[in-house]
Amino acid sequence: MKRLFQALSGWPLPLLHAVGGALGWLAWLLSPTYRRRFLANARLAGLRFARCAGRWPNRAG
């Protein structure tokens, strides 16, 4: 793990942000469990996104 972080430390910060964002969306799209937990936590926090996203059809079942 240390080698991974050492390698990534040489990357430009905007690139690291883009990679992190892409990985976050990938987790959202591929993991129904993550998506459910995220939406539940967002609802508890009172975020409007949770109300909009809660209307999406639940493809996970």
PDB file of N, CA and C in Angstrom:
ATOM      1  N   MET A   1       0.824  -1.174   0.000  1.00  0.00           N
ATOM      2  CA  MET A   1       0.000   0.000   0.000  1.00  0.00           C
ATOM      3  C   MET A   1       0.880   1.253   0.000  1.00  0.00           C
ATOM      4  N   LYS A   2       1.986   1.188   0.714  1.00  0.00           N
ATOM      5  CA  LYS A   2       2.888   2.334   0.762  1.00  0.00           C
ATOM      6  C   LYS A   2       3.416   2.661  -0.633  1.00  0.00           C
ATOM      7  N   ARG A   3       3.737   1.648  -1.402  1.00  0.00           N
ATOM      8  CA  ARG A   3       4.245   1.872  -2.767  1.00  0.00           C
ATOM      9  C   ARG A   3       3.179   2.519  -3.652  1.00  0.00           C
ATOM     10  N   LEU A   4       1.936   2.103  -3.461  1.00  0.00           N
ATOM     11  CA  LEU A   4       0.849   2.697  -4.241  1.00  0.00           C
ATOM     12  C   LEU A   4       0.768   4.194  -3.964  1.00  0.00           C
ATOM     13  N   PHE A   5       0.773   4.564  -2.687  1.00  0.00           N
ATOM     14  CA  PHE A   5       0.685   5.976  -2.344  1.00  0.00           C
ATOM     15  C   PHE A   5       1.917   6.756  -2.782  1.00  0.00           C
ATOM     16  N   GLN A   6       3.056   6.129  -2.727  1.00  0.00           N
ATOM     17  CA  GLN A   6       4.267   6.803  -3.206  1.00  0.00           C
ATOM     18  C   GLN A   6       4.179   7.055  -4.708  1.00  0.00           C
ATOM     19  N   ALA A   7       3.663   6.092  -5.446  1.00  0.00           N
ATOM     20  CA  ALA A   7       3.511   6.267  -6.894  1.00  0.00           C
ATOM     21  C   ALA A   7       2.487   7.359  -7.201  1.00  0.00           C
ATOM     22  N   LEU A   8       1.380   7.361  -6.471  1.00  0.00           N
ATOM     23  CA  LEU A   8       0.333   8.354  -6.716  1.00  0.00           C
ATOM     24  C   LEU A   8       0.746   9.758  -6.283  1.00  0.00           C
ATOM     25  N   SER A   9       1.690   9.861  -5.389  1.00  0.00           N
ATOM     26  CA  SER A   9       2.104  11.181  -4.902  1.00  0.00           C
ATOM     27  C   SER A   9       2.752  12.026  -6.000  1.00  0.00           C
ATOM     28  N   GLY A  10       3.198  11.401  -7.054  1.00  0.00           N
ATOM     29  CA  GLY A  10       3.801  12.137  -8.163  1.00  0.00           C
ATOM     30  C   GLY A  10       2.788  12.623  -9.181  1.00  0.00           C
ATOM     31  N   TRP A  11       1.540  12.176  -9.066  1.00  0.00           N
ATOM     32  CA  TRP A  11       0.508  12.574 -10.024  1.00  0.00           C
ATOM     33  C   TRP A  11       0.009  13.983  -9.703  1.00  0.00           C
ATOM     34  N   PRO A  12      -0.397  14.738 -10.714  1.00  0.00           N
ATOM     35  CA  PRO A  12      -0.968  16.068 -10.461  1.00  0.00           C
ATOM     36  C   PRO A  12      -2.298  15.955  -9.707  1.00  0.00           C
ATOM     37  N   LEU A  13      -2.538  16.897  -8.814  1.00  0.00           N
ATOM     38  CA  LEU A  13      -3.741  16.864  -7.986  1.00  0.00           C
ATOM     39  C   LEU A  13      -5.038  16.831  -8.802  1.00  0.00           C
ATOM     40  N   PRO A  14      -5.174  17.621  -9.869  1.00  0.00           N
ATOM     41  CA  PRO A  14      -6.417  17.538 -10.653  1.00  0.00           C
ATOM     42  C   PRO A  14      -6.651  16.135 -11.238  1.00  0.00           C
ATOM     43  N   LEU A  15      -5.591  15.445 -11.597  1.00  0.00           N
ATOM     44  CA  LEU A  15      -5.740  14.088 -12.112  1.00  0.00           C
ATOM     45  C   LEU A  15      -6.210  13.147 -11.002  1.00  0.00           C
ATOM     46  N   LEU A  16      -5.655  13.296  -9.810  1.00  0.00           N
ATOM     47  CA  LEU A  16      -6.091  12.474  -8.679  1.00  0.00           C
ATOM     48  C   LEU A  16      -7.562  12.726  -8.351  1.00  0.00           C
ATOM     49  N   HIS A  17      -7.993  13.987  -8.421  1.00  0.00           N
ATOM     50  CA  HIS A  17      -9.403  14.299  -8.185  1.00  0.00           C
ATOM     51  C   HIS A  17     -10.292  13.635  -9.230  1.00  0.00           C
ATOM     52  N   ALA A  18      -9.873  13.678 -10.479  1.00  0.00           N
ATOM     53  CA  ALA A  18     -10.658  13.065 -11.554  1.00  0.00           C
ATOM     54  C   ALA A  18     -10.741  11.552 -11.378  1.00  0.00           C
ATOM     55  N   VAL A  19      -9.637  10.927 -11.031  1.00  0.00           N
ATOM     56  CA  VAL A  19      -9.632   9.472 -10.818  1.00  0.00           C
ATOM     57  C   VAL A  19     -10.528   9.111  -9.630  1.00  0.00           C
ATOM     58  N   GLY A  20     -10.426   9.890  -8.555  1.00  0.00           N
ATOM     59  CA  GLY A  20     -11.273   9.647  -7.387  1.00  0.00           C
ATOM     60  C   GLY A  20     -12.744   9.800  -7.707  1.00  0.00           C
ATOM     61  N   GLY A  21     -13.083  10.814  -8.483  1.00  0.00           N
ATOM     62  CA  GLY A  21     -14.475  11.008  -8.883  1.00  0.00           C
ATOM     63  C   GLY A  21     -14.987   9.864  -9.744  1.00  0.00           C
ATOM     64  N   ALA A  22     -14.167   9.430 -10.674  1.00  0.00           N
ATOM     65  CA  ALA A  22     -14.558   8.311 -11.541  1.00  0.00           C
ATOM     66  C   ALA A  22     -14.750   7.029 -10.729  1.00  0.00           C
ATOM     67  N   LEU A  23     -13.859   6.786  -9.780  1.00  0.00           N
ATOM     68  CA  LEU A  23     -13.997   5.592  -8.940  1.00  0.00           C
ATOM     69  C   LEU A  23     -15.240   5.671  -8.061  1.00  0.00           C
ATOM     70  N   GLY A  24     -15.565   6.863  -7.598  1.00  0.00           N
ATOM     71  CA  GLY A  24     -16.778   7.040  -6.804  1.00  0.00           C
ATOM     72  C   GLY A  24     -18.033   6.737  -7.606  1.00  0.00           C
ATOM     73  N   TRP A  25     -18.094   7.247  -8.834  1.00  0.00           N
ATOM     74  CA  TRP A  25     -19.255   6.952  -9.685  1.00  0.00           C
ATOM     75  C   TRP A  25     -19.315   5.470 -10.046  1.00  0.00           C
ATOM     76  N   LEU A  26     -18.165   4.872 -10.257  1.00  0.00           N
ATOM     77  CA  LEU A  26     -18.129   3.447 -10.562  1.00  0.00           C
ATOM     78  C   LEU A  26     -18.692   2.632  -9.395  1.00  0.00           C
ATOM     79  N   ALA A  27     -18.313   2.994  -8.178  1.00  0.00           N
ATOM     80  CA  ALA A  27     -18.851   2.312  -6.990  1.00  0.00           C
ATOM     81  C   ALA A  27     -20.355   2.518  -6.911  1.00  0.00           C
ATOM     82  N   TRP A  28     -20.825   3.729  -7.203  1.00  0.00           N
ATOM     83  CA  TRP A  28     -22.261   4.024  -7.161  1.00  0.00           C
ATOM     84  C   TRP A  28     -23.020   3.156  -8.172  1.00  0.00           C
ATOM     85  N   LEU A  29     -22.478   3.049  -9.367  1.00  0.00           N
ATOM     86  CA  LEU A  29     -23.169   2.322 -10.426  1.00  0.00           C
ATOM     87  C   LEU A  29     -23.123   0.807 -10.249  1.00  0.00           C
ATOM     88  N   LEU A  30     -22.040   0.286  -9.716  1.00  0.00           N
ATOM     89  CA  LEU A  30     -21.851  -1.160  -9.658  1.00  0.00           C
ATOM     90  C   LEU A  30     -22.273  -1.803  -8.340  1.00  0.00           C
ATOM     91  N   SER A  31     -22.520  -1.011  -7.313  1.00  0.00           N
ATOM     92  CA  SER A  31     -22.827  -1.586  -6.008  1.00  0.00           C
ATOM     93  C   SER A  31     -24.193  -1.130  -5.508  1.00  0.00           C
ATOM     94  N   PRO A  32     -25.202  -1.988  -5.624  1.00  0.00           N
ATOM     95  CA  PRO A  32     -26.526  -1.612  -5.122  1.00  0.00           C
ATOM     96  C   PRO A  32     -26.532  -1.396  -3.600  1.00  0.00           C
ATOM     97  N   THR A  33     -25.711  -2.123  -2.885  1.00  0.00           N
ATOM     98  CA  THR A  33     -25.637  -1.954  -1.434  1.00  0.00           C
ATOM     99  C   THR A  33     -25.106  -0.566  -1.090  1.00  0.00           C
ATOM    100  N   TYR A  34     -24.030  -0.151  -1.747  1.00  0.00           N
ATOM    101  CA  TYR A  34     -23.471   1.186  -1.529  1.00  0.00           C
ATOM    102  C   TYR A  34     -24.513   2.254  -1.850  1.00  0.00           C
ATOM    103  N   ARG A  35     -25.222   2.076  -2.959  1.00  0.00           N
ATOM    104  CA  ARG A  35     -26.222   3.042  -3.392  1.00  0.00           C
ATOM    105  C   ARG A  35     -27.341   3.173  -2.359  1.00  0.00           C
ATOM    106  N   ARG A  36     -27.834   2.044  -1.848  1.00  0.00           N
ATOM    107  CA  ARG A  36     -28.890   2.076  -0.834  1.00  0.00           C
ATOM    108  C   ARG A  36     -28.416   2.774   0.432  1.00  0.00           C
ATOM    109  N   ARG A  37     -27.231   2.441   0.882  1.00  0.00           N
ATOM    110  CA  ARG A  37     -26.701   3.064   2.108  1.00  0.00           C
ATOM    111  C   ARG A  37     -26.478   4.560   1.919  1.00  0.00           C
ATOM    112  N   PHE A  38     -25.951   4.932   0.758  1.00  0.00           N
ATOM    113  CA  PHE A  38     -25.727   6.343   0.476  1.00  0.00           C
ATOM    114  C   PHE A  38     -27.042   7.113   0.512  1.00  0.00           C
ATOM    115  N   LEU A  39     -28.056   6.586  -0.165  1.00  0.00           N
ATOM    116  CA  LEU A  39     -29.340   7.274  -0.211  1.00  0.00           C
ATOM    117  C   LEU A  39     -29.985   7.351   1.164  1.00  0.00           C
ATOM    118  N   ALA A  40     -29.867   6.287   1.949  1.00  0.00           N
ATOM    119  CA  ALA A  40     -30.417   6.310   3.306  1.00  0.00           C
ATOM    120  C   ALA A  40     -29.725   7.371   4.154  1.00  0.00           C
ATOM    121  N   ASN A  41     -28.416   7.443   4.062  1.00  0.00           N
ATOM    122  CA  ASN A  41     -27.667   8.448   4.829  1.00  0.00           C
ATOM    123  C   ASN A  41     -27.971   9.860   4.342  1.00  0.00           C
ATOM    124  N   ALA A  42     -28.124  10.025   3.035  1.00  0.00           N
ATOM    125  CA  ALA A  42     -28.441  11.340   2.486  1.00  0.00           C
ATOM    126  C   ALA A  42     -29.825  11.794   2.948  1.00  0.00           C
ATOM    127  N   ARG A  43     -30.779  10.872   2.987  1.00  0.00           N
ATOM    128  CA  ARG A  43     -32.119  11.212   3.488  1.00  0.00           C
ATOM    129  C   ARG A  43     -32.052  11.652   4.949  1.00  0.00           C
ATOM    130  N   LEU A  44     -31.294  10.925   5.757  1.00  0.00           N
ATOM    131  CA  LEU A  44     -31.147  11.282   7.166  1.00  0.00           C
ATOM    132  C   LEU A  44     -30.514  12.661   7.339  1.00  0.00           C
ATOM    133  N   ALA A  45     -29.627  13.013   6.425  1.00  0.00           N
ATOM    134  CA  ALA A  45     -28.956  14.303   6.485  1.00  0.00           C
ATOM    135  C   ALA A  45     -29.827  15.427   5.926  1.00  0.00           C
ATOM    136  N   GLY A  46     -30.963  15.068   5.326  1.00  0.00           N
ATOM    137  CA  GLY A  46     -31.867  16.072   4.788  1.00  0.00           C
ATOM    138  C   GLY A  46     -31.452  16.628   3.443  1.00  0.00           C
ATOM    139  N   LEU A  47     -30.652  15.897   2.708  1.00  0.00           N
ATOM    140  CA  LEU A  47     -30.206  16.367   1.396  1.00  0.00           C
ATOM    141  C   LEU A  47     -31.295  16.169   0.357  1.00  0.00           C
ATOM    142  N   ARG A  48     -31.466  17.159  -0.504  1.00  0.00           N
ATOM    143  CA  ARG A  48     -32.484  17.079  -1.541  1.00  0.00           C
ATOM    144  C   ARG A  48     -32.186  15.978  -2.548  1.00  0.00           C
ATOM    145  N   PHE A  49     -30.901  15.719  -2.784  1.00  0.00           N
ATOM    146  CA  PHE A  49     -30.512  14.681  -3.746  1.00  0.00           C
ATOM    147  C   PHE A  49     -31.175  13.354  -3.405  1.00  0.00           C
ATOM    148  N   ALA A  50     -31.310  13.072  -2.124  1.00  0.00           N
ATOM    149  CA  ALA A  50     -31.896  11.807  -1.700  1.00  0.00           C
ATOM    150  C   ALA A  50     -33.352  11.717  -2.148  1.00  0.00           C
ATOM    151  N   ARG A  51     -34.067  12.841  -2.111  1.00  0.00           N
ATOM    152  CA  ARG A  51     -35.465  12.818  -2.540  1.00  0.00           C
ATOM    153  C   ARG A  51     -35.568  12.559  -4.035  1.00  0.00           C
ATOM    154  N   CYS A  52     -34.693  13.198  -4.816  1.00  0.00           N
ATOM    155  CA  CYS A  52     -34.708  12.990  -6.266  1.00  0.00           C
ATOM    156  C   CYS A  52     -34.245  11.584  -6.611  1.00  0.00           C
ATOM    157  N   ALA A  53     -33.141  11.166  -6.044  1.00  0.00           N
ATOM    158  CA  ALA A  53     -32.577   9.858  -6.362  1.00  0.00           C
ATOM    159  C   ALA A  53     -33.457   8.743  -5.842  1.00  0.00           C
ATOM    160  N   GLY A  54     -34.206   8.987  -4.780  1.00  0.00           N
ATOM    161  CA  GLY A  54     -35.098   7.972  -4.232  1.00  0.00           C
ATOM    162  C   GLY A  54     -36.214   7.589  -5.173  1.00  0.00           C
ATOM    163  N   ARG A  55     -36.478   8.441  -6.150  1.00  0.00           N
ATOM    164  CA  ARG A  55     -37.530   8.150  -7.126  1.00  0.00           C
ATOM    165  C   ARG A  55     -37.054   7.276  -8.274  1.00  0.00           C
ATOM    166  N   TRP A  56     -35.740   7.084  -8.357  1.00  0.00           N
ATOM    167  CA  TRP A  56     -35.221   6.245  -9.434  1.00  0.00           C
ATOM    168  C   TRP A  56     -35.699   4.823  -9.236  1.00  0.00           C
ATOM    169  N   PRO A  57     -35.960   4.106 -10.327  1.00  0.00           N
ATOM    170  CA  PRO A  57     -36.329   2.696 -10.174  1.00  0.00           C
ATOM    171  C   PRO A  57     -35.183   1.912  -9.537  1.00  0.00           C
ATOM    172  N   ASN A  58     -35.521   1.059  -8.604  1.00  0.00           N
ATOM    173  CA  ASN A  58     -34.507   0.268  -7.912  1.00  0.00           C
ATOM    174  C   ASN A  58     -34.211  -0.971  -8.757  1.00  0.00           C
ATOM    175  N   ARG A  59     -33.143  -0.901  -9.523  1.00  0.00           N
ATOM    176  CA  ARG A  59     -32.782  -2.006 -10.410  1.00  0.00           C
ATOM    177  C   ARG A  59     -32.202  -3.178  -9.636  1.00  0.00           C
ATOM    178  N   ALA A  60     -31.805  -2.945  -8.382  1.00  0.00           N
ATOM    179  CA  ALA A  60     -31.177  -4.002  -7.608  1.00  0.00           C
ATOM    180  C   ALA A  60     -32.215  -4.966  -7.036  1.00  0.00           C
ATOM    181  N   GLY A  61     -33.468  -4.548  -6.980  1.00  0.00           N
ATOM    182  CA  GLY A  61     -34.510  -5.439  -6.485  1.00  0.00           C
ATOM    183  C   GLY A  61     -34.958  -5.169  -5.114  1.00  0.00           C
TER     184      GLY A  61
END
